[in-house]
Amino acid sequence: MIEENLLREVLVGQKQTFLNKKNLFQREVMANFYQKYSQLKEIIFITGLRRCGKSSLLKLIWDDFKKRNSLSNEQFLYLNFEDERLVHFDEKDFSKILEAYYQLYSPSKNKKIWLFLDEIQNIPYWEKWLNRIYEEGKYKIFITGSNATLLSSELAATLTGRNISVDLHPLSFYEYHVFFKKNPLIKKSFFDLEEKAKIKKNLDSYLLLGGMPEYLKTKSEELMQEYFKNIILRDISTRYNIKYKRELKELAHFLLANIGQILSLQKISRAVQIKNISTVKNYLEYLESSFLFSSLPLFSFSYKKQIYNPKKIYCVDAGFFNTISFRTSKNIGNLLENIVFLELQRDDKEIFYYKTKSGKEVDFLVKNKEQIESLIQVSFALESKQTITREESSLLEAMEELGLKSSFLINNQIEKKKLFKDKEINYIPFWKWALGNRI
């Protein structure tokens, strides 16, 4: 239980901190946010990695909605449940929140009250309280969370059909470019040499730094290492009561060192010396639930084969790879592949990797509903004839098997179209591909 005076103190202090957030970077997700969500009565559920900008997004949402609807700051409540002063808060205290809010402020009875609730999954039975106040119809509710499993299970049990999820990721390459240029790229079909040079320079630094907002401001590797430690310890070890923390940490390090690789449970088990395959499987699920890693299944027309074949693993941000793992020139290709995966994931594509009948691998197969939309191969440097032949033969064989006429070979700098009888491979630099849908 929490004392009412302390709760009021927290509400006032957190609200002031929230309002003091100034000059926030405009995220892509805000482009049509008001049009998409302002008239919906459902709870808006914003998910994403710890420290990827969810709290700042809530402030951007409030600033936008406040301006459009001529609202006063008395009309909203903000509460971050990760505040250490709320350590003794439990499910019985939920009823005190709105009571304290009404005592502190005098919101208009003719307008809805906006609730912004950060990391609410920390408190048991949060979903039952939200379900009750949702039924009252007086509140516009936004919640954030950095643990997909805890949130999804509770949402499914109590709030099915009453919530809409919005995923927030670290900065995309387009957002990264705008973050440092301070102005959006203008839509055009041609970039001169100077513009290309600036964009490519930003790509080089993006491959090194990634897109975690606070890290980009400070460049402090210690900050990224602290993020990583908190995800492992707070979002996973504590919440799932993990006994062998060292093995979990070693598993996370192993995955970072092997991004873009096909990893079976048996291979991971041998590498990190965790004998129990079920434990490995559980740890992988926990790491995915924290949004630190994502897995990519093999494409097959057989759902059973998709489930039982080993998956490829990718990390949520290049910054973790470069500050936690050991970077060499050899794995920059894997890093570019990882970033292509993140761009596809950010665009909410249904993606897989593909293996031909002869065993050749294509990095990404993209589906749109029931149709295969494209095949994408990623290779940072296409400097040797052997590399070019390998990448082209994989795409050509996959196109033949799947009945496709064209595919993409994303690389660092080459742009051309190459014809093979009735098939076409489009060589495209990553920066142009990544910016293509956004400018």
Protein backbone atom coordinates (compact mmCIF):
# COMPACT_ATOMS: atom_id res chain seq x y z
CA MET A 1 0.00 0.00 0.00
CA ILE A 2 1.09 3.55 -0.66
CA GLU A 3 0.37 6.61 1.47
CA GLU A 4 -2.02 9.05 -0.18
CA ASN A 5 0.22 12.05 0.48
CA LEU A 6 3.13 10.28 -1.21
CA LEU A 7 0.96 9.39 -4.20
CA ARG A 8 -0.09 13.00 -4.62
CA GLU A 9 3.56 14.06 -4.36
CA VAL A 10 4.49 11.60 -7.10
CA LEU A 11 1.62 12.74 -9.36
CA VAL A 12 2.58 16.40 -9.05
CA GLY A 13 6.31 15.80 -9.51
CA GLN A 14 5.95 13.46 -12.45
CA LYS A 15 3.46 15.73 -14.18
CA GLN A 16 5.86 18.66 -13.96
CA THR A 17 8.72 16.55 -15.31
CA PHE A 18 6.45 15.39 -18.13
CA LEU A 19 5.48 18.98 -19.01
CA ASN A 20 9.11 20.10 -18.89
CA LYS A 21 10.00 17.82 -21.82
CA LYS A 22 10.79 20.36 -24.56
CA ASN A 23 12.04 20.30 -28.15
CA LEU A 24 11.30 16.62 -28.52
CA PHE A 25 12.23 14.85 -31.74
CA GLN A 26 9.18 14.20 -33.91
CA ARG A 27 8.85 10.48 -34.53
CA GLU A 28 7.49 9.02 -37.77
CA VAL A 29 4.66 7.34 -35.92
CA MET A 30 3.22 10.80 -35.17
CA ALA A 31 2.63 11.59 -38.86
CA ASN A 32 -0.99 10.42 -38.91
CA PHE A 33 -1.43 9.61 -35.25
CA TYR A 34 -4.24 12.04 -34.51
CA GLN A 35 -6.25 11.03 -37.56
CA LYS A 36 -5.85 7.33 -36.76
CA TYR A 37 -6.46 7.30 -33.02
CA SER A 38 -8.19 10.45 -31.76
CA GLN A 39 -11.74 9.20 -32.31
CA LEU A 40 -11.15 5.66 -31.06
CA LYS A 41 -12.46 4.72 -27.64
CA GLU A 42 -10.05 1.78 -27.28
CA ILE A 43 -7.02 1.88 -24.99
CA ILE A 44 -3.87 2.77 -26.97
CA PHE A 45 -1.09 0.42 -25.97
CA ILE A 46 2.44 1.58 -26.93
CA THR A 47 5.08 -1.15 -26.78
CA GLY A 48 8.80 -1.07 -27.30
CA LEU A 49 12.27 -1.58 -25.91
CA ARG A 50 13.21 0.11 -22.66
CA ARG A 51 14.49 3.67 -23.34
CA CYS A 52 13.50 3.75 -27.02
CA GLY A 53 11.39 6.90 -26.48
CA LYS A 54 7.95 5.75 -25.30
CA SER A 55 7.62 8.44 -22.58
CA SER A 56 8.66 11.14 -25.03
CA LEU A 57 6.10 9.83 -27.49
CA LEU A 58 3.39 10.23 -24.84
CA LYS A 59 4.40 13.88 -24.48
CA LEU A 60 4.29 14.38 -28.26
CA ILE A 61 0.80 12.86 -28.27
CA TRP A 62 -0.39 15.14 -25.46
CA ASP A 63 1.06 18.27 -27.09
CA ASP A 64 -0.65 17.43 -30.37
CA PHE A 65 -4.03 16.49 -28.92
CA LYS A 66 -3.98 19.42 -26.48
CA LYS A 67 -3.39 21.94 -29.28
CA ARG A 68 -6.05 20.47 -31.57
CA ASN A 69 -8.70 20.32 -28.83
CA SER A 70 -7.82 23.47 -26.83
CA LEU A 71 -7.24 21.45 -23.66
CA SER A 72 -5.66 22.61 -20.41
CA ASN A 73 -2.95 20.76 -18.51
CA GLU A 74 -5.49 20.02 -15.76
CA GLN A 75 -7.15 17.63 -18.21
CA PHE A 76 -4.51 14.90 -18.10
CA LEU A 77 -2.79 12.60 -15.63
CA TYR A 78 0.68 11.11 -16.10
CA LEU A 79 2.07 8.32 -13.95
CA ASN A 80 5.27 6.32 -14.47
CA PHE A 81 5.13 3.11 -12.43
CA GLU A 82 8.92 2.68 -12.53
CA ASP A 83 9.31 5.53 -10.01
CA GLU A 84 11.09 4.07 -6.97
CA ARG A 85 8.67 5.94 -4.70
CA LEU A 86 5.97 3.57 -5.95
CA VAL A 87 7.80 0.47 -4.78
CA HIS A 88 5.01 -0.34 -2.30
CA PHE A 89 2.19 0.43 -4.74
CA ASP A 90 -0.09 -2.58 -5.23
CA GLU A 91 -3.38 -3.38 -6.93
CA LYS A 92 -5.40 -1.98 -4.03
CA ASP A 93 -3.90 1.46 -4.66
CA PHE A 94 -5.26 1.87 -8.19
CA SER A 95 -8.49 3.38 -6.87
CA LYS A 96 -6.44 6.09 -5.13
CA ILE A 97 -4.93 7.39 -8.39
CA LEU A 98 -8.01 9.10 -9.80
CA GLU A 99 -9.14 10.18 -6.36
CA ALA A 100 -5.81 11.96 -5.83
CA TYR A 101 -5.98 13.42 -9.33
CA TYR A 102 -9.41 14.97 -8.77
CA GLN A 103 -8.24 16.39 -5.45
CA LEU A 104 -5.16 17.98 -7.02
CA TYR A 105 -6.75 19.33 -10.19
CA SER A 106 -10.20 20.40 -11.25
CA PRO A 107 -10.65 18.92 -14.72
CA SER A 108 -13.58 19.95 -16.86
CA LYS A 109 -16.50 17.55 -16.44
CA ASN A 110 -17.54 18.20 -20.05
CA LYS A 111 -14.33 16.86 -21.56
CA LYS A 112 -12.57 13.52 -21.40
CA ILE A 113 -9.64 13.05 -19.06
CA TRP A 114 -6.43 11.82 -20.63
CA LEU A 115 -4.51 9.12 -18.81
CA PHE A 116 -0.86 8.45 -19.69
CA LEU A 117 0.43 5.41 -17.80
CA ASP A 118 4.08 4.37 -18.24
CA GLU A 119 5.29 0.79 -17.64
CA ILE A 120 2.02 -0.20 -16.01
CA GLN A 121 2.77 -3.92 -16.28
CA ASN A 122 4.93 -3.59 -13.15
CA ILE A 123 1.79 -3.70 -10.98
CA PRO A 124 -0.33 -6.88 -10.67
CA TYR A 125 -3.94 -6.77 -11.89
CA TRP A 126 -3.44 -3.47 -13.72
CA GLU A 127 -5.65 -4.70 -16.56
CA LYS A 128 -8.67 -5.20 -14.28
CA TRP A 129 -8.46 -1.58 -13.10
CA LEU A 130 -8.14 -0.31 -16.68
CA ASN A 131 -11.08 -2.44 -17.73
CA ARG A 132 -13.24 -0.88 -15.03
CA ILE A 133 -12.42 2.75 -15.78
CA TYR A 134 -12.63 2.05 -19.52
CA GLU A 135 -16.24 1.07 -18.99
CA GLU A 136 -16.96 4.48 -17.46
CA GLY A 137 -16.27 6.11 -20.85
CA LYS A 138 -14.78 9.27 -19.32
CA TYR A 139 -11.13 8.60 -20.09
CA LYS A 140 -8.82 8.51 -23.10
CA ILE A 141 -6.23 5.96 -22.02
CA PHE A 142 -2.65 5.50 -23.23
CA ILE A 143 -0.34 2.92 -21.68
CA THR A 144 3.24 1.89 -22.40
CA GLY A 145 5.11 -1.30 -21.66
CA SER A 146 8.49 -2.89 -22.31
CA ASN A 147 7.57 -6.51 -21.83
CA ALA A 148 5.46 -8.02 -24.58
CA THR A 149 4.67 -11.34 -22.90
CA LEU A 150 3.36 -9.94 -19.62
CA LEU A 151 1.28 -7.35 -21.40
CA SER A 152 -0.11 -9.54 -24.15
CA SER A 153 -1.24 -12.30 -21.80
CA GLU A 154 -3.04 -9.86 -19.53
CA LEU A 155 -4.54 -7.92 -22.42
CA ALA A 156 -5.81 -11.12 -23.98
CA ALA A 157 -7.44 -12.19 -20.74
CA THR A 158 -9.23 -8.95 -19.84
CA LEU A 159 -9.01 -6.32 -22.56
CA THR A 160 -9.57 -8.27 -25.77
CA GLY A 161 -11.13 -5.97 -28.33
CA ARG A 162 -10.60 -2.95 -26.10
CA ASN A 163 -7.03 -2.08 -27.00
CA ILE A 164 -5.00 -1.13 -30.05
CA SER A 165 -1.25 -1.70 -30.13
CA VAL A 166 1.28 0.79 -31.48
CA ASP A 167 4.88 -0.41 -31.77
CA LEU A 168 7.70 2.04 -31.16
CA HIS A 169 11.21 1.21 -32.33
CA PRO A 170 14.58 2.94 -32.01
CA LEU A 171 15.13 5.55 -34.72
CA SER A 172 14.91 4.36 -38.32
CA PHE A 173 17.60 5.45 -40.77
CA TYR A 174 15.29 8.20 -42.03
CA GLU A 175 14.65 9.39 -38.46
CA TYR A 176 18.37 9.22 -37.71
CA HIS A 177 19.14 11.40 -40.73
CA VAL A 178 16.51 13.95 -39.71
CA PHE A 179 17.66 13.76 -36.05
CA PHE A 180 21.05 15.17 -36.99
CA LYS A 181 20.08 17.29 -40.01
CA LYS A 182 17.20 18.90 -38.07
CA ASN A 183 15.06 19.03 -41.22
CA PRO A 184 13.24 16.35 -43.22
CA LEU A 185 14.52 15.06 -46.53
CA ILE A 186 12.68 16.49 -49.51
CA LYS A 187 10.98 14.07 -51.87
CA LYS A 188 12.97 13.83 -55.10
CA SER A 189 14.02 11.26 -57.65
CA PHE A 190 17.60 12.50 -57.96
CA PHE A 191 20.28 13.36 -55.39
CA ASP A 192 23.44 15.19 -56.40
CA LEU A 193 26.89 13.95 -55.38
CA GLU A 194 27.11 16.21 -52.31
CA GLU A 195 23.72 15.04 -51.02
CA LYS A 196 24.63 11.39 -51.60
CA ALA A 197 27.91 11.87 -49.75
CA LYS A 198 26.12 13.33 -46.71
CA ILE A 199 23.52 10.57 -46.65
CA LYS A 200 26.17 7.85 -46.97
CA LYS A 201 28.20 9.45 -44.19
CA ASN A 202 25.10 9.30 -41.99
CA LEU A 203 24.69 5.64 -42.90
CA ASP A 204 28.25 4.91 -41.77
CA SER A 205 27.55 6.50 -38.39
CA TYR A 206 24.11 4.85 -38.16
CA LEU A 207 25.74 1.45 -38.59
CA LEU A 208 27.98 2.36 -35.67
CA LEU A 209 25.58 4.17 -33.33
CA GLY A 210 22.11 2.79 -34.04
CA GLY A 211 18.97 4.69 -33.07
CA MET A 212 18.56 4.87 -29.29
CA PRO A 213 17.66 8.56 -28.73
CA GLU A 214 19.55 9.32 -25.49
CA TYR A 215 22.64 7.44 -26.63
CA LEU A 216 22.73 9.53 -29.80
CA LYS A 217 22.81 12.67 -27.67
CA THR A 218 25.58 11.51 -25.33
CA LYS A 219 27.56 8.91 -27.35
CA SER A 220 28.20 7.26 -23.98
CA GLU A 221 28.93 3.55 -24.40
CA GLU A 222 28.42 3.18 -20.65
CA LEU A 223 24.80 4.28 -21.17
CA MET A 224 24.15 1.53 -23.73
CA GLN A 225 25.81 -1.00 -21.45
CA GLU A 226 23.54 0.16 -18.63
CA TYR A 227 20.49 -0.23 -20.88
CA PHE A 228 21.60 -3.76 -21.74
CA LYS A 229 22.17 -4.67 -18.09
CA ASN A 230 18.77 -3.29 -17.04
CA ILE A 231 16.98 -5.25 -19.74
CA ILE A 232 18.68 -8.47 -18.67
CA LEU A 233 18.30 -7.91 -14.94
CA ARG A 234 15.05 -5.93 -14.55
CA ASP A 235 12.97 -6.85 -17.59
CA ILE A 236 13.91 -10.52 -17.61
CA SER A 237 15.77 -11.92 -14.58
CA THR A 238 13.66 -10.27 -11.89
CA ARG A 239 10.30 -10.64 -13.64
CA TYR A 240 10.80 -14.29 -14.50
CA ASN A 241 12.68 -15.17 -11.32
CA ILE A 242 15.64 -16.54 -13.25
CA LYS A 243 18.11 -18.40 -11.08
CA TYR A 244 21.03 -18.69 -13.51
CA LYS A 245 21.59 -15.07 -14.49
CA ARG A 246 25.09 -15.65 -15.83
CA GLU A 247 23.84 -18.15 -18.42
CA LEU A 248 21.13 -15.73 -19.53
CA LYS A 249 23.70 -12.96 -19.97
CA GLU A 250 26.03 -15.27 -21.89
CA LEU A 251 23.16 -16.28 -24.15
CA ALA A 252 22.41 -12.61 -24.92
CA HIS A 253 26.09 -11.99 -25.72
CA PHE A 254 26.17 -15.05 -27.98
CA LEU A 255 23.13 -13.82 -29.91
CA LEU A 256 24.71 -10.37 -30.34
CA ALA A 257 27.82 -11.98 -31.79
CA ASN A 258 25.74 -14.03 -34.22
CA ILE A 259 23.10 -11.65 -35.58
CA GLY A 260 21.73 -12.72 -38.93
CA GLN A 261 22.79 -16.33 -38.36
CA ILE A 262 20.52 -19.38 -38.46
CA LEU A 263 20.63 -20.72 -34.90
CA SER A 264 19.05 -23.96 -33.77
CA LEU A 265 18.27 -24.53 -30.11
CA GLN A 266 20.86 -27.31 -30.08
CA LYS A 267 23.59 -25.02 -31.46
CA ILE A 268 22.81 -22.33 -28.91
CA SER A 269 22.72 -24.92 -26.14
CA ARG A 270 26.20 -26.17 -27.02
CA ALA A 271 27.62 -22.65 -27.43
CA VAL A 272 26.46 -21.32 -24.06
CA GLN A 273 26.61 -24.66 -22.26
CA ILE A 274 23.01 -24.77 -21.15
CA LYS A 275 22.16 -28.46 -21.34
CA ASN A 276 18.40 -28.15 -20.99
CA ILE A 277 16.89 -27.26 -24.39
CA SER A 278 13.66 -26.09 -22.74
CA THR A 279 15.66 -23.58 -20.70
CA VAL A 280 17.28 -22.24 -23.88
CA LYS A 281 13.87 -21.94 -25.51
CA ASN A 282 12.46 -20.08 -22.50
CA TYR A 283 15.42 -17.70 -22.32
CA LEU A 284 15.04 -16.89 -26.02
CA GLU A 285 11.35 -16.12 -25.50
CA TYR A 286 12.18 -13.84 -22.57
CA LEU A 287 14.77 -11.96 -24.64
CA GLU A 288 12.23 -11.49 -27.40
CA SER A 289 9.53 -10.39 -24.96
CA SER A 290 11.83 -7.57 -23.81
CA PHE A 291 12.17 -6.47 -27.47
CA LEU A 292 15.97 -6.86 -27.32
CA PHE A 293 15.99 -9.58 -30.00
CA SER A 294 13.66 -10.80 -32.73
CA SER A 295 13.59 -14.13 -34.52
CA LEU A 296 12.90 -14.71 -38.21
CA PRO A 297 11.31 -18.01 -39.31
CA LEU A 298 12.00 -19.97 -42.45
CA PHE A 299 9.39 -19.51 -45.17
CA SER A 300 7.57 -22.65 -46.13
CA PHE A 301 4.15 -23.43 -47.51
CA SER A 302 4.02 -25.94 -44.64
CA TYR A 303 3.25 -24.21 -41.34
CA LYS A 304 4.77 -27.16 -39.47
CA LYS A 305 8.12 -26.65 -41.23
CA GLN A 306 8.05 -22.95 -40.36
CA ILE A 307 7.64 -23.80 -36.68
CA TYR A 308 10.24 -26.55 -36.39
CA ASN A 309 13.04 -25.18 -38.55
CA PRO A 310 15.73 -23.05 -36.85
CA LYS A 311 15.32 -19.29 -36.94
CA LYS A 312 17.57 -16.33 -37.65
CA ILE A 313 18.18 -13.87 -34.82
CA TYR A 314 18.39 -10.08 -35.02
CA CYS A 315 19.04 -7.36 -32.44
CA VAL A 316 16.76 -4.36 -31.94
CA ASP A 317 19.51 -1.77 -32.46
CA ALA A 318 23.02 -1.53 -33.90
CA GLY A 319 24.17 0.42 -30.84
CA PHE A 320 23.95 -2.72 -28.69
CA PHE A 321 25.92 -4.73 -31.21
CA ASN A 322 28.72 -2.15 -31.32
CA THR A 323 28.97 -1.40 -27.60
CA ILE A 324 28.31 -4.85 -26.11
CA SER A 325 29.65 -7.20 -28.78
CA PHE A 326 32.98 -7.17 -30.61
CA ARG A 327 32.77 -5.45 -33.99
CA THR A 328 35.10 -6.27 -36.89
CA SER A 329 35.06 -5.40 -40.57
CA LYS A 330 33.99 -8.98 -41.29
CA ASN A 331 30.60 -8.66 -39.59
CA ILE A 332 29.55 -5.29 -41.04
CA GLY A 333 27.57 -7.28 -43.64
CA ASN A 334 25.62 -8.97 -40.85
CA LEU A 335 25.02 -5.58 -39.28
CA LEU A 336 23.61 -4.16 -42.53
CA GLU A 337 21.39 -7.24 -42.84
CA ASN A 338 20.19 -6.63 -39.28
CA ILE A 339 19.28 -3.03 -40.14
CA VAL A 340 17.40 -4.12 -43.25
CA PHE A 341 15.43 -6.51 -41.04
CA LEU A 342 14.60 -3.65 -38.65
CA GLU A 343 13.38 -1.47 -41.53
CA LEU A 344 11.09 -4.27 -42.75
CA GLN A 345 9.87 -4.94 -39.22
CA ARG A 346 9.21 -1.23 -38.64
CA ASP A 347 7.03 -1.16 -41.75
CA ASP A 348 5.02 -4.05 -40.31
CA LYS A 349 5.94 -6.44 -43.09
CA GLU A 350 5.40 -10.19 -42.83
CA ILE A 351 8.94 -11.46 -43.28
CA PHE A 352 10.82 -14.75 -43.45
CA TYR A 353 14.13 -16.09 -44.68
CA TYR A 354 14.12 -18.57 -47.54
CA LYS A 355 16.13 -21.63 -48.45
CA THR A 356 16.10 -23.09 -51.95
CA LYS A 357 15.81 -26.79 -52.59
CA SER A 358 19.58 -26.96 -53.06
CA GLY A 359 20.16 -25.18 -49.75
CA LYS A 360 20.96 -21.66 -50.95
CA GLU A 361 19.82 -18.95 -48.56
CA VAL A 362 17.95 -15.72 -49.34
CA ASP A 363 18.00 -13.26 -46.47
CA PHE A 364 14.39 -12.02 -46.65
CA LEU A 365 11.14 -13.09 -48.23
CA VAL A 366 8.42 -10.46 -47.81
CA LYS A 367 4.75 -11.38 -47.90
CA ASN A 368 1.72 -9.18 -48.36
CA LYS A 369 -1.31 -11.14 -47.19
CA GLU A 370 -1.16 -14.34 -49.26
CA GLN A 371 1.14 -12.96 -51.96
CA ILE A 372 4.93 -13.05 -51.94
CA GLU A 373 5.87 -9.41 -52.40
CA SER A 374 9.64 -9.57 -52.83
CA LEU A 375 12.92 -11.38 -52.25
CA ILE A 376 15.76 -9.41 -50.70
CA GLN A 377 19.41 -10.34 -50.45
CA VAL A 378 21.80 -8.15 -48.42
CA SER A 379 25.54 -7.83 -49.04
CA PHE A 380 27.48 -4.81 -47.83
CA ALA A 381 30.42 -5.10 -50.22
CA LEU A 382 30.12 -6.65 -53.66
CA GLU A 383 33.81 -6.48 -54.43
CA SER A 384 34.61 -10.02 -55.53
CA LYS A 385 33.20 -11.97 -58.45
CA GLN A 386 32.70 -14.93 -56.12
CA THR A 387 30.46 -12.89 -53.79
CA ILE A 388 28.40 -11.49 -56.67
CA THR A 389 27.93 -14.96 -58.20
CA ARG A 390 26.87 -16.41 -54.84
CA GLU A 391 24.29 -13.70 -54.12
CA GLU A 392 22.86 -13.69 -57.65
CA SER A 393 22.58 -17.49 -57.89
CA SER A 394 20.65 -17.63 -54.59
CA LEU A 395 18.16 -15.03 -55.81
CA LEU A 396 17.78 -16.58 -59.27
CA GLU A 397 17.15 -20.05 -57.86
CA ALA A 398 14.62 -18.70 -55.36
CA MET A 399 12.82 -16.67 -58.04
CA GLU A 400 12.57 -19.77 -60.21
CA GLU A 401 11.10 -21.87 -57.39
CA LEU A 402 8.63 -19.19 -56.30
CA GLY A 403 7.60 -17.96 -59.74
CA LEU A 404 8.93 -14.41 -59.29
CA LYS A 405 10.37 -12.19 -62.01
CA SER A 406 12.39 -9.71 -59.95
CA SER A 407 14.27 -9.36 -56.67
CA PHE A 408 16.51 -6.94 -54.74
CA LEU A 409 20.18 -7.03 -53.86
CA ILE A 410 20.72 -4.36 -51.18
CA ASN A 411 24.33 -3.27 -50.81
CA ASN A 412 26.46 -0.31 -49.81
CA GLN A 413 26.75 1.63 -53.06
CA ILE A 414 25.91 -0.13 -56.36
CA GLU A 415 22.74 0.85 -58.19
CA LYS A 416 21.78 -0.96 -61.40
CA LYS A 417 19.38 -3.47 -62.93
CA LYS A 418 20.74 -6.77 -64.17
CA LEU A 419 18.73 -8.97 -66.52
CA PHE A 420 18.88 -12.78 -66.64
CA LYS A 421 16.62 -13.91 -69.51
CA ASP A 422 13.13 -13.38 -68.01
CA LYS A 423 14.35 -12.38 -64.54
CA GLU A 424 15.71 -9.17 -63.05
CA ILE A 425 17.89 -8.39 -60.04
CA ASN A 426 17.73 -4.81 -58.80
CA TYR A 427 20.94 -3.70 -57.16
CA ILE A 428 20.09 -0.84 -54.79
CA PRO A 429 22.12 1.01 -52.13
CA PHE A 430 20.69 0.61 -48.65
CA TRP A 431 20.21 4.35 -48.11
CA LYS A 432 18.10 4.69 -51.23
CA TRP A 433 16.04 1.61 -50.41
CA ALA A 434 15.50 2.70 -46.80
CA LEU A 435 14.50 6.23 -47.73
CA GLY A 436 12.44 5.19 -50.72
CA ASN A 437 9.15 4.78 -48.85
CA ARG A 438 9.66 7.88 -46.72
CA ILE A 439 10.62 10.69 -49.08
